[in-house]
Structures are given as C-alpha cells and as structure tokens.
Amino acid sequence: MTKEISVEADPTEINVESGDEPTESTITATVKEDGQPKSGEDVAITTNLGTVTAVTDNLDGTYTCKLSSTESGDATVTAKVDDIEKQVLVDVGPSGGGTQGG
C-alpha cells in the first residue's frame, strides 16, 4: 500500500490579523492510499509562523484547518501523515495597505 499526502493553501497571501482581508488561509491536506482518498488518518498540520486551528477530517480524504498570524513573513505550513510530509508557503503581509519593498 502506497500512501501519499499533498497540501494546498487558499489564498497563498494573507494579511496580519488587523482588519485587512484576507486574514486567514484555508489549508487543505489530501491523503491518498493506492491512489484512493483516505479518511480517518492522523494528519498533523503545523506552521513556523502564526497559528493553525484544529485539523478537521472531512471524511473524503481531505483535512482542513485555518492559518492566521499576527506577524508578517513567510509561513511554511507542513502537513504530515505517518512519516510522509509536504509543505506549502503562505505569504503573510503587513496590514494597512502599505507597499511592500522588493
């Protein structure tokens, strides 16, 4: 049996929590075993910046949570099942409509 996980963020750019939308991103991990969606797994979703809510098993092979942050920067979000993990980046920008340097 071959198990795999993928992870996506929507949107991939958010603002710090202070009123400027969007302030959170929906993180969706998809687990498949032998190519078929697999629910009932112990999926952990973590981040190096901000916080994530508790993971919800949607009973269709997908697992979701929300990411938000009070600090700006690049949030690396990691989804893990067993010893398999994948990552996605979310850009957390400052609020207030200011311009970002480049």
N, C-alpha and C. Protein backbone atom coordinates (compact mmCIF):
# COMPACT_ATOMS: atom_id res chain seq x y z
N MET A 1 0.85 -1.19 0.00
CA MET A 1 0.00 0.00 0.00
C MET A 1 0.89 1.24 0.00
N THR A 2 0.60 2.14 -0.91
CA THR A 2 1.37 3.36 -1.02
C THR A 2 0.52 4.54 -0.57
N LYS A 3 0.99 5.24 0.46
CA LYS A 3 0.27 6.40 0.98
C LYS A 3 0.99 7.67 0.55
N GLU A 4 0.20 8.70 0.23
CA GLU A 4 0.78 9.99 -0.16
C GLU A 4 -0.06 11.11 0.42
N ILE A 5 0.58 12.28 0.56
CA ILE A 5 -0.12 13.46 1.06
C ILE A 5 0.26 14.66 0.19
N SER A 6 -0.69 15.54 -0.02
CA SER A 6 -0.43 16.81 -0.70
C SER A 6 -1.07 17.90 0.15
N VAL A 7 -0.62 19.13 -0.03
CA VAL A 7 -1.16 20.23 0.77
C VAL A 7 -1.25 21.49 -0.09
N GLU A 8 -2.34 22.24 0.11
CA GLU A 8 -2.58 23.49 -0.61
C GLU A 8 -3.05 24.55 0.37
N ALA A 9 -2.83 25.80 0.01
CA ALA A 9 -3.31 26.93 0.80
C ALA A 9 -4.16 27.82 -0.09
N ASP A 10 -5.27 28.31 0.44
CA ASP A 10 -6.15 29.20 -0.32
C ASP A 10 -6.70 30.29 0.59
N PRO A 11 -6.28 31.54 0.43
CA PRO A 11 -5.30 32.02 -0.55
C PRO A 11 -3.87 31.79 -0.05
N THR A 12 -2.89 32.02 -0.94
CA THR A 12 -1.49 31.85 -0.57
C THR A 12 -0.88 33.15 -0.07
N GLU A 13 -1.67 34.22 -0.06
CA GLU A 13 -1.22 35.51 0.50
C GLU A 13 -2.31 36.03 1.41
N ILE A 14 -1.94 36.33 2.67
CA ILE A 14 -2.89 36.88 3.64
C ILE A 14 -2.26 38.08 4.34
N ASN A 15 -3.08 38.80 5.09
CA ASN A 15 -2.60 39.94 5.88
C ASN A 15 -2.59 39.56 7.35
N VAL A 16 -1.77 40.28 8.13
CA VAL A 16 -1.78 40.04 9.56
C VAL A 16 -3.16 40.37 10.11
N GLU A 17 -3.50 39.78 11.25
CA GLU A 17 -4.83 39.96 11.84
C GLU A 17 -5.00 41.39 12.33
N SER A 18 -5.66 42.22 11.55
CA SER A 18 -5.95 43.58 12.00
C SER A 18 -7.03 44.24 11.17
N GLY A 19 -7.82 43.45 10.49
CA GLY A 19 -8.95 44.01 9.77
C GLY A 19 -8.84 44.00 8.26
N ASP A 20 -7.61 43.95 7.71
CA ASP A 20 -7.46 43.91 6.26
C ASP A 20 -7.64 42.48 5.77
N GLU A 21 -8.62 42.29 4.87
CA GLU A 21 -8.92 40.94 4.37
C GLU A 21 -7.98 40.58 3.23
N PRO A 22 -7.67 39.32 3.03
CA PRO A 22 -8.00 38.21 3.92
C PRO A 22 -6.99 38.09 5.05
N THR A 23 -7.45 37.64 6.20
CA THR A 23 -6.55 37.49 7.34
C THR A 23 -6.31 36.03 7.68
N GLU A 24 -6.91 35.11 6.93
CA GLU A 24 -6.64 33.70 7.16
C GLU A 24 -6.65 32.94 5.85
N SER A 25 -5.96 31.83 5.87
CA SER A 25 -5.88 30.96 4.71
C SER A 25 -6.40 29.58 5.10
N THR A 26 -7.15 28.98 4.20
CA THR A 26 -7.62 27.62 4.44
C THR A 26 -6.55 26.66 3.93
N ILE A 27 -6.08 25.81 4.82
CA ILE A 27 -5.07 24.81 4.48
C ILE A 27 -5.79 23.49 4.27
N THR A 28 -5.57 22.87 3.11
CA THR A 28 -6.20 21.60 2.80
C THR A 28 -5.13 20.56 2.48
N ALA A 29 -5.11 19.51 3.29
CA ALA A 29 -4.23 18.37 3.03
C ALA A 29 -5.09 17.25 2.45
N THR A 30 -4.57 16.57 1.45
CA THR A 30 -5.27 15.44 0.83
C THR A 30 -4.41 14.18 1.01
N VAL A 31 -5.02 13.16 1.58
CA VAL A 31 -4.33 11.89 1.80
C VAL A 31 -4.92 10.85 0.86
N LYS A 32 -4.03 10.14 0.18
CA LYS A 32 -4.46 9.04 -0.69
C LYS A 32 -3.64 7.80 -0.36
N GLU A 33 -4.30 6.67 -0.48
CA GLU A 33 -3.63 5.39 -0.33
C GLU A 33 -3.94 4.57 -1.57
N ASP A 34 -2.88 4.16 -2.26
CA ASP A 34 -3.03 3.47 -3.54
C ASP A 34 -3.91 4.26 -4.51
N GLY A 35 -3.74 5.60 -4.48
CA GLY A 35 -4.45 6.47 -5.40
C GLY A 35 -5.87 6.82 -4.99
N GLN A 36 -6.37 6.24 -3.90
CA GLN A 36 -7.74 6.48 -3.46
C GLN A 36 -7.76 7.39 -2.23
N PRO A 37 -8.72 8.33 -2.15
CA PRO A 37 -8.82 9.20 -0.96
C PRO A 37 -8.94 8.37 0.31
N LYS A 38 -8.26 8.82 1.37
CA LYS A 38 -8.22 8.05 2.62
C LYS A 38 -8.57 8.96 3.79
N SER A 39 -9.72 8.71 4.40
CA SER A 39 -10.11 9.46 5.60
C SER A 39 -9.75 8.64 6.82
N GLY A 40 -9.92 9.24 8.00
CA GLY A 40 -9.63 8.54 9.24
C GLY A 40 -8.16 8.49 9.61
N GLU A 41 -7.35 9.28 8.95
CA GLU A 41 -5.91 9.31 9.22
C GLU A 41 -5.59 10.35 10.29
N ASP A 42 -4.45 10.19 10.94
CA ASP A 42 -3.97 11.14 11.93
C ASP A 42 -3.07 12.14 11.21
N VAL A 43 -3.67 13.22 10.71
CA VAL A 43 -2.95 14.23 9.94
C VAL A 43 -2.60 15.40 10.85
N ALA A 44 -1.33 15.76 10.85
CA ALA A 44 -0.86 16.92 11.62
C ALA A 44 -0.52 18.04 10.65
N ILE A 45 -1.00 19.24 10.95
CA ILE A 45 -0.66 20.41 10.15
C ILE A 45 -0.05 21.44 11.09
N THR A 46 1.17 21.86 10.78
CA THR A 46 1.90 22.80 11.63
C THR A 46 2.43 23.95 10.80
N THR A 47 2.85 25.02 11.48
CA THR A 47 3.42 26.18 10.80
C THR A 47 4.55 26.76 11.63
N ASN A 48 5.48 27.42 10.95
CA ASN A 48 6.58 28.07 11.64
C ASN A 48 6.26 29.53 11.94
N LEU A 49 5.13 30.04 11.44
CA LEU A 49 4.73 31.43 11.64
C LEU A 49 3.22 31.48 11.78
N GLY A 50 2.75 32.05 12.87
CA GLY A 50 1.32 32.14 13.09
C GLY A 50 0.79 30.91 13.79
N THR A 51 -0.51 30.70 13.66
CA THR A 51 -1.16 29.56 14.30
C THR A 51 -2.10 28.89 13.32
N VAL A 52 -2.33 27.61 13.56
CA VAL A 52 -3.32 26.87 12.79
C VAL A 52 -4.38 26.34 13.75
N THR A 53 -5.61 26.28 13.27
CA THR A 53 -6.71 25.73 14.07
C THR A 53 -6.61 24.20 14.06
N ALA A 54 -7.47 23.58 14.84
CA ALA A 54 -7.51 22.11 14.86
C ALA A 54 -7.85 21.58 13.48
N VAL A 55 -7.27 20.45 13.14
CA VAL A 55 -7.48 19.83 11.83
C VAL A 55 -8.82 19.09 11.82
N THR A 56 -9.60 19.32 10.76
CA THR A 56 -10.88 18.65 10.58
C THR A 56 -10.76 17.60 9.49
N ASP A 57 -11.18 16.37 9.80
CA ASP A 57 -11.26 15.30 8.80
C ASP A 57 -12.60 15.45 8.10
N ASN A 58 -12.56 15.78 6.80
CA ASN A 58 -13.79 16.00 6.03
C ASN A 58 -14.41 14.70 5.51
N LEU A 59 -13.83 13.57 5.89
CA LEU A 59 -14.34 12.23 5.55
C LEU A 59 -14.35 11.92 4.06
N ASP A 60 -13.54 12.69 3.30
CA ASP A 60 -13.44 12.45 1.86
C ASP A 60 -11.99 12.40 1.41
N GLY A 61 -11.08 12.20 2.37
CA GLY A 61 -9.66 12.19 2.06
C GLY A 61 -9.00 13.54 2.23
N THR A 62 -9.81 14.57 2.52
CA THR A 62 -9.23 15.89 2.75
C THR A 62 -9.34 16.25 4.23
N TYR A 63 -8.37 17.06 4.65
CA TYR A 63 -8.26 17.50 6.04
C TYR A 63 -7.98 18.99 6.00
N THR A 64 -8.75 19.80 6.74
CA THR A 64 -8.62 21.24 6.64
C THR A 64 -8.40 21.90 7.99
N CYS A 65 -7.77 23.07 7.94
CA CYS A 65 -7.64 23.94 9.09
C CYS A 65 -7.43 25.36 8.55
N LYS A 66 -7.36 26.33 9.45
CA LYS A 66 -7.16 27.73 9.08
C LYS A 66 -5.83 28.21 9.64
N LEU A 67 -5.12 29.00 8.84
CA LEU A 67 -3.87 29.63 9.26
C LEU A 67 -4.10 31.13 9.41
N SER A 68 -3.62 31.70 10.51
CA SER A 68 -3.63 33.15 10.68
C SER A 68 -2.36 33.53 11.42
N SER A 69 -2.00 34.83 11.37
CA SER A 69 -0.78 35.26 12.02
C SER A 69 -0.88 36.72 12.44
N THR A 70 -0.22 37.04 13.53
CA THR A 70 -0.13 38.44 13.97
C THR A 70 1.20 39.05 13.55
N GLU A 71 2.04 38.26 12.89
CA GLU A 71 3.33 38.74 12.40
C GLU A 71 3.41 38.52 10.89
N SER A 72 4.12 39.41 10.20
CA SER A 72 4.28 39.22 8.76
C SER A 72 5.53 38.40 8.48
N GLY A 73 5.56 37.78 7.32
CA GLY A 73 6.67 36.94 6.91
C GLY A 73 6.18 35.79 6.06
N ASP A 74 7.07 34.83 5.84
CA ASP A 74 6.71 33.64 5.06
C ASP A 74 6.39 32.50 6.02
N ALA A 75 5.16 32.02 5.96
CA ALA A 75 4.74 30.89 6.79
C ALA A 75 4.92 29.60 6.00
N THR A 76 5.73 28.72 6.53
CA THR A 76 5.87 27.39 5.95
C THR A 76 4.90 26.47 6.68
N VAL A 77 3.93 25.97 5.95
CA VAL A 77 2.91 25.09 6.54
C VAL A 77 3.24 23.66 6.12
N THR A 78 3.32 22.78 7.12
CA THR A 78 3.68 21.38 6.87
C THR A 78 2.51 20.48 7.23
N ALA A 79 2.14 19.62 6.29
CA ALA A 79 1.11 18.59 6.54
C ALA A 79 1.83 17.26 6.60
N LYS A 80 1.51 16.46 7.64
CA LYS A 80 2.21 15.20 7.84
C LYS A 80 1.23 14.08 8.18
N VAL A 81 1.44 12.94 7.55
CA VAL A 81 0.72 11.71 7.89
C VAL A 81 1.77 10.61 7.94
N ASP A 82 1.77 9.85 9.02
CA ASP A 82 2.82 8.86 9.25
C ASP A 82 4.17 9.58 9.15
N ASP A 83 5.09 9.12 8.32
CA ASP A 83 6.38 9.79 8.16
C ASP A 83 6.46 10.55 6.85
N ILE A 84 5.31 10.82 6.24
CA ILE A 84 5.27 11.50 4.95
C ILE A 84 4.81 12.94 5.18
N GLU A 85 5.55 13.90 4.63
CA GLU A 85 5.13 15.29 4.79
C GLU A 85 5.35 16.09 3.52
N LYS A 86 4.51 17.12 3.38
CA LYS A 86 4.61 18.06 2.27
C LYS A 86 4.43 19.45 2.85
N GLN A 87 4.95 20.46 2.12
CA GLN A 87 4.87 21.83 2.61
C GLN A 87 4.30 22.76 1.56
N VAL A 88 3.73 23.86 2.06
CA VAL A 88 3.25 24.93 1.21
C VAL A 88 3.61 26.24 1.90
N LEU A 89 3.91 27.27 1.11
CA LEU A 89 4.25 28.58 1.65
C LEU A 89 3.06 29.52 1.57
N VAL A 90 2.87 30.30 2.63
CA VAL A 90 1.85 31.35 2.66
C VAL A 90 2.56 32.65 3.01
N ASP A 91 2.37 33.66 2.17
CA ASP A 91 2.96 34.97 2.41
C ASP A 91 2.04 35.78 3.31
N VAL A 92 2.53 36.12 4.49
CA VAL A 92 1.75 36.93 5.44
C VAL A 92 2.29 38.35 5.36
N GLY A 93 1.49 39.24 4.79
CA GLY A 93 1.93 40.61 4.58
C GLY A 93 1.44 41.54 5.66
N PRO A 94 2.10 42.67 5.81
CA PRO A 94 1.64 43.66 6.79
C PRO A 94 0.30 44.24 6.38
N SER A 95 -0.49 44.67 7.34
CA SER A 95 -1.79 45.25 7.04
C SER A 95 -1.64 46.75 6.80
N GLY A 96 -2.74 47.38 6.43
CA GLY A 96 -2.73 48.83 6.26
C GLY A 96 -2.59 49.29 4.85
N GLY A 97 -2.45 48.37 3.91
CA GLY A 97 -2.39 48.77 2.50
C GLY A 97 -1.08 49.41 2.09
N GLY A 98 -0.04 49.29 2.91
CA GLY A 98 1.26 49.86 2.56
C GLY A 98 1.91 49.06 1.45
N THR A 99 2.91 49.65 0.84
CA THR A 99 3.61 48.94 -0.22
C THR A 99 4.71 48.08 0.37
N GLN A 100 4.94 46.97 -0.25
CA GLN A 100 6.00 46.07 0.18
C GLN A 100 7.22 46.31 -0.65
N GLY A 101 8.38 46.33 0.01
CA GLY A 101 9.64 46.53 -0.72
C GLY A 101 9.98 45.27 -1.49
N GLY A 102 10.83 45.43 -2.52
CA GLY A 102 11.14 44.26 -3.31
C GLY A 102 12.52 44.14 -3.72
